[in-house]
PDB file of N, CA and C in Angstrom:
ATOM      1  N   THR A   1    -161.903 -76.180  99.393  1.00  0.00           N
ATOM      2  CA  THR A   1    -161.520 -75.172  98.408  1.00  0.00           C
ATOM      3  C   THR A   1    -162.315 -73.896  98.642  1.00  0.00           C
ATOM      4  N   GLY A   2    -161.888 -72.835  98.000  1.00  0.00           N
ATOM      5  CA  GLY A   2    -162.605 -71.568  98.103  1.00  0.00           C
ATOM      6  C   GLY A   2    -164.017 -71.657  97.559  1.00  0.00           C
ATOM      7  N   LEU A   3    -164.170 -72.361  96.430  1.00  0.00           N
ATOM      8  CA  LEU A   3    -165.511 -72.512  95.849  1.00  0.00           C
ATOM      9  C   LEU A   3    -166.411 -73.340  96.760  1.00  0.00           C
ATOM     10  N   GLY A   4    -165.831 -74.328  97.408  1.00  0.00           N
ATOM     11  CA  GLY A   4    -166.601 -75.139  98.354  1.00  0.00           C
ATOM     12  C   GLY A   4    -167.103 -74.314  99.528  1.00  0.00           C
ATOM     13  N   VAL A   5    -166.267 -73.421 100.012  1.00  0.00           N
ATOM     14  CA  VAL A   5    -166.661 -72.524 101.109  1.00  0.00           C
ATOM     15  C   VAL A   5    -167.789 -71.614 100.651  1.00  0.00           C
ATOM     16  N   LEU A   6    -167.664 -71.047  99.452  1.00  0.00           N
ATOM     17  CA  LEU A   6    -168.727 -70.183  98.927  1.00  0.00           C
ATOM     18  C   LEU A   6    -170.042 -70.941  98.792  1.00  0.00           C
ATOM     19  N   MET A   7    -169.979 -72.178  98.309  1.00  0.00           N
ATOM     20  CA  MET A   7    -171.196 -72.981  98.163  1.00  0.00           C
ATOM     21  C   MET A   7    -171.825 -73.263  99.526  1.00  0.00           C
ATOM     22  N   SER A   8    -171.005 -73.530 100.526  1.00  0.00           N
ATOM     23  CA  SER A   8    -171.508 -73.787 101.871  1.00  0.00           C
ATOM     24  C   SER A   8    -172.193 -72.545 102.444  1.00  0.00           C
ATOM     25  N   ILE A   9    -171.558 -71.395 102.276  1.00  0.00           N
ATOM     26  CA  ILE A   9    -172.150 -70.137 102.748  1.00  0.00           C
ATOM     27  C   ILE A   9    -173.459 -69.873 102.015  1.00  0.00           C
ATOM     28  N   TYR A  10    -173.448 -70.061 100.698  1.00  0.00           N
ATOM     29  CA  TYR A  10    -174.647 -69.837  99.886  1.00  0.00           C
ATOM     30  C   TYR A  10    -175.792 -70.732 100.367  1.00  0.00           C
ATOM     31  N   LYS A  11    -175.502 -72.012 100.584  1.00  0.00           N
ATOM     32  CA  LYS A  11    -176.529 -72.960 101.027  1.00  0.00           C
ATOM     33  C   LYS A  11    -177.091 -72.555 102.386  1.00  0.00           C
ATOM     34  N   ASN A  12    -176.206 -72.203 103.322  1.00  0.00           N
ATOM     35  CA  ASN A  12    -176.635 -71.763 104.654  1.00  0.00           C
ATOM     36  C   ASN A  12    -177.534 -70.543 104.580  1.00  0.00           C
ATOM     37  N   MET A  13    -177.144 -69.571 103.786  1.00  0.00           N
ATOM     38  CA  MET A  13    -177.923 -68.338 103.689  1.00  0.00           C
ATOM     39  C   MET A  13    -179.262 -68.586 103.002  1.00  0.00           C
ATOM     40  N   LYS A  14    -179.271 -69.417 101.976  1.00  0.00           N
ATOM     41  CA  LYS A  14    -180.513 -69.726 101.271  1.00  0.00           C
ATOM     42  C   LYS A  14    -181.509 -70.414 102.201  1.00  0.00           C
ATOM     43  N   GLU A  15    -181.020 -71.320 103.049  1.00  0.00           N
ATOM     44  CA  GLU A  15    -181.888 -72.004 104.013  1.00  0.00           C
ATOM     45  C   GLU A  15    -182.525 -71.023 104.983  1.00  0.00           C
ATOM     46  N   ARG A  16    -181.880 -69.895 105.209  1.00  0.00           N
ATOM     47  CA  ARG A  16    -182.395 -68.871 106.124  1.00  0.00           C
ATOM     48  C   ARG A  16    -183.095 -67.733 105.380  1.00  0.00           C
ATOM     49  N   ASN A  17    -183.327 -67.927 104.083  1.00  0.00           N
ATOM     50  CA  ASN A  17    -183.968 -66.911 103.236  1.00  0.00           C
ATOM     51  C   ASN A  17    -183.210 -65.590 103.236  1.00  0.00           C
ATOM     52  N   LEU A  18    -181.883 -65.667 103.256  1.00  0.00           N
ATOM     53  CA  LEU A  18    -181.037 -64.484 103.178  1.00  0.00           C
ATOM     54  C   LEU A  18    -180.414 -64.402 101.790  1.00  0.00           C
ATOM     55  N   ASN A  19    -180.080 -63.194 101.364  1.00  0.00           N
ATOM     56  CA  ASN A  19    -179.458 -62.987 100.059  1.00  0.00           C
ATOM     57  C   ASN A  19    -177.945 -63.059 100.167  1.00  0.00           C
ATOM     58  N   PHE A  20    -177.334 -63.565  99.105  1.00  0.00           N
ATOM     59  CA  PHE A  20    -175.880 -63.659  99.024  1.00  0.00           C
ATOM     60  C   PHE A  20    -175.475 -63.117  97.666  1.00  0.00           C
ATOM     61  N   LYS A  21    -174.734 -62.021  97.652  1.00  0.00           N
ATOM     62  CA  LYS A  21    -174.284 -61.414  96.407  1.00  0.00           C
ATOM     63  C   LYS A  21    -172.760 -61.398  96.370  1.00  0.00           C
ATOM     64  N   ILE A  22    -172.226 -61.598  95.185  1.00  0.00           N
ATOM     65  CA  ILE A  22    -170.785 -61.486  94.980  1.00  0.00           C
ATOM     66  C   ILE A  22    -170.578 -60.251  94.118  1.00  0.00           C
ATOM     67  N   VAL A  23    -169.728 -59.345  94.578  1.00  0.00           N
ATOM     68  CA  VAL A  23    -169.542 -58.086  93.858  1.00  0.00           C
ATOM     69  C   VAL A  23    -168.077 -57.867  93.485  1.00  0.00           C
ATOM     70  N   ASN A  24    -167.908 -57.143  92.376  1.00  0.00           N
ATOM     71  CA  ASN A  24    -166.602 -56.656  91.950  1.00  0.00           C
ATOM     72  C   ASN A  24    -165.575 -57.770  91.696  1.00  0.00           C
ATOM     73  N   LEU A  25    -166.002 -58.828  90.997  1.00  0.00           N
ATOM     74  CA  LEU A  25    -165.065 -59.909  90.669  1.00  0.00           C
ATOM     75  C   LEU A  25    -164.086 -59.464  89.593  1.00  0.00           C
ATOM     76  N   LYS A  26    -162.858 -59.890  89.704  1.00  0.00           N
ATOM     77  CA  LYS A  26    -161.880 -59.672  88.641  1.00  0.00           C
ATOM     78  C   LYS A  26    -162.273 -60.546  87.458  1.00  0.00           C
ATOM     79  N   PRO A  27    -161.959 -60.108  86.239  1.00  0.00           N
ATOM     80  CA  PRO A  27    -162.374 -60.860  85.042  1.00  0.00           C
ATOM     81  C   PRO A  27    -161.946 -62.326  85.042  1.00  0.00           C
ATOM     82  N   ASN A  28    -160.739 -62.621  85.515  1.00  0.00           N
ATOM     83  CA  ASN A  28    -160.294 -64.021  85.507  1.00  0.00           C
ATOM     84  C   ASN A  28    -161.068 -64.873  86.512  1.00  0.00           C
ATOM     85  N   ILE A  29    -161.505 -64.275  87.602  1.00  0.00           N
ATOM     86  CA  ILE A  29    -162.309 -65.008  88.585  1.00  0.00           C
ATOM     87  C   ILE A  29    -163.722 -65.211  88.048  1.00  0.00           C
ATOM     88  N   TYR A  30    -164.264 -64.180  87.374  1.00  0.00           N
ATOM     89  CA  TYR A  30    -165.584 -64.344  86.765  1.00  0.00           C
ATOM     90  C   TYR A  30    -165.549 -65.468  85.731  1.00  0.00           C
ATOM     91  N   LYS A  31    -164.463 -65.561  84.979  1.00  0.00           N
ATOM     92  CA  LYS A  31    -164.327 -66.618  83.973  1.00  0.00           C
ATOM     93  C   LYS A  31    -164.411 -67.997  84.640  1.00  0.00           C
ATOM     94  N   LEU A  32    -163.804 -68.152  85.805  1.00  0.00           N
ATOM     95  CA  LEU A  32    -163.884 -69.404  86.553  1.00  0.00           C
ATOM     96  C   LEU A  32    -165.334 -69.725  86.920  1.00  0.00           C
ATOM     97  N   PHE A  33    -166.060 -68.708  87.386  1.00  0.00           N
ATOM     98  CA  PHE A  33    -167.472 -68.901  87.717  1.00  0.00           C
ATOM     99  C   PHE A  33    -168.265 -69.268  86.460  1.00  0.00           C
ATOM    100  N   ASP A  34    -167.929 -68.655  85.338  1.00  0.00           N
ATOM    101  CA  ASP A  34    -168.611 -68.935  84.075  1.00  0.00           C
ATOM    102  C   ASP A  34    -168.344 -70.369  83.618  1.00  0.00           C
ATOM    103  N   ILE A  35    -167.096 -70.788  83.655  1.00  0.00           N
ATOM    104  CA  ILE A  35    -166.720 -72.142  83.218  1.00  0.00           C
ATOM    105  C   ILE A  35    -167.400 -73.205  84.082  1.00  0.00           C
ATOM    106  N   THR A  36    -167.483 -72.963  85.373  1.00  0.00           N
ATOM    107  CA  THR A  36    -168.067 -73.942  86.290  1.00  0.00           C
ATOM    108  C   THR A  36    -169.593 -73.848  86.363  1.00  0.00           C
ATOM    109  N   GLY A  37    -170.167 -72.813  85.743  1.00  0.00           N
ATOM    110  CA  GLY A  37    -171.618 -72.628  85.778  1.00  0.00           C
ATOM    111  C   GLY A  37    -172.111 -71.952  87.039  1.00  0.00           C
ATOM    112  N   LEU A  38    -171.186 -71.565  87.906  1.00  0.00           N
ATOM    113  CA  LEU A  38    -171.588 -70.931  89.162  1.00  0.00           C
ATOM    114  C   LEU A  38    -172.095 -69.505  88.966  1.00  0.00           C
ATOM    115  N   ASN A  39    -171.837 -68.928  87.803  1.00  0.00           N
ATOM    116  CA  ASN A  39    -172.376 -67.596  87.533  1.00  0.00           C
ATOM    117  C   ASN A  39    -173.901 -67.643  87.429  1.00  0.00           C
ATOM    118  N   LYS A  40    -174.468 -68.822  87.235  1.00  0.00           N
ATOM    119  CA  LYS A  40    -175.923 -68.978  87.201  1.00  0.00           C
ATOM    120  C   LYS A  40    -176.480 -69.293  88.590  1.00  0.00           C
ATOM    121  N   VAL A  41    -175.615 -69.678  89.504  1.00  0.00           N
ATOM    122  CA  VAL A  41    -176.027 -70.000  90.874  1.00  0.00           C
ATOM    123  C   VAL A  41    -175.978 -68.752  91.746  1.00  0.00           C
ATOM    124  N   PHE A  42    -174.866 -68.037  91.671  1.00  0.00           N
ATOM    125  CA  PHE A  42    -174.661 -66.860  92.511  1.00  0.00           C
ATOM    126  C   PHE A  42    -175.180 -65.595  91.839  1.00  0.00           C
ATOM    127  N   ASP A  43    -175.605 -64.650  92.664  1.00  0.00           N
ATOM    128  CA  ASP A  43    -175.989 -63.323  92.192  1.00  0.00           C
ATOM    129  C   ASP A  43    -174.702 -62.502  92.127  1.00  0.00           C
ATOM    130  N   ILE A  44    -174.178 -62.323  90.915  1.00  0.00           N
ATOM    131  CA  ILE A  44    -172.901 -61.632  90.730  1.00  0.00           C
ATOM    132  C   ILE A  44    -173.170 -60.240  90.187  1.00  0.00           C
ATOM    133  N   ARG A  45    -172.650 -59.237  90.865  1.00  0.00           N
ATOM    134  CA  ARG A  45    -172.833 -57.829  90.483  1.00  0.00           C
ATOM    135  C   ARG A  45    -171.483 -57.175  90.264  1.00  0.00           C
ATOM    136  N   GLU A  46    -171.496 -56.105  89.467  1.00  0.00           N
ATOM    137  CA  GLU A  46    -170.254 -55.348  89.233  1.00  0.00           C
ATOM    138  C   GLU A  46    -169.977 -54.400  90.362  1.00  0.00           C
TER     139      GLU A  46
END
């Protein structure tokens, strides 16, 4: 899934001490991140 890919990328980057930011999410996509709790995992910016 798309979320699985994002989690894999996030894990890879974290292991390498790199930053991963998600920017400019549409409100309905942000709601998905909020419901799943991923808004607390990812650095989400406007």
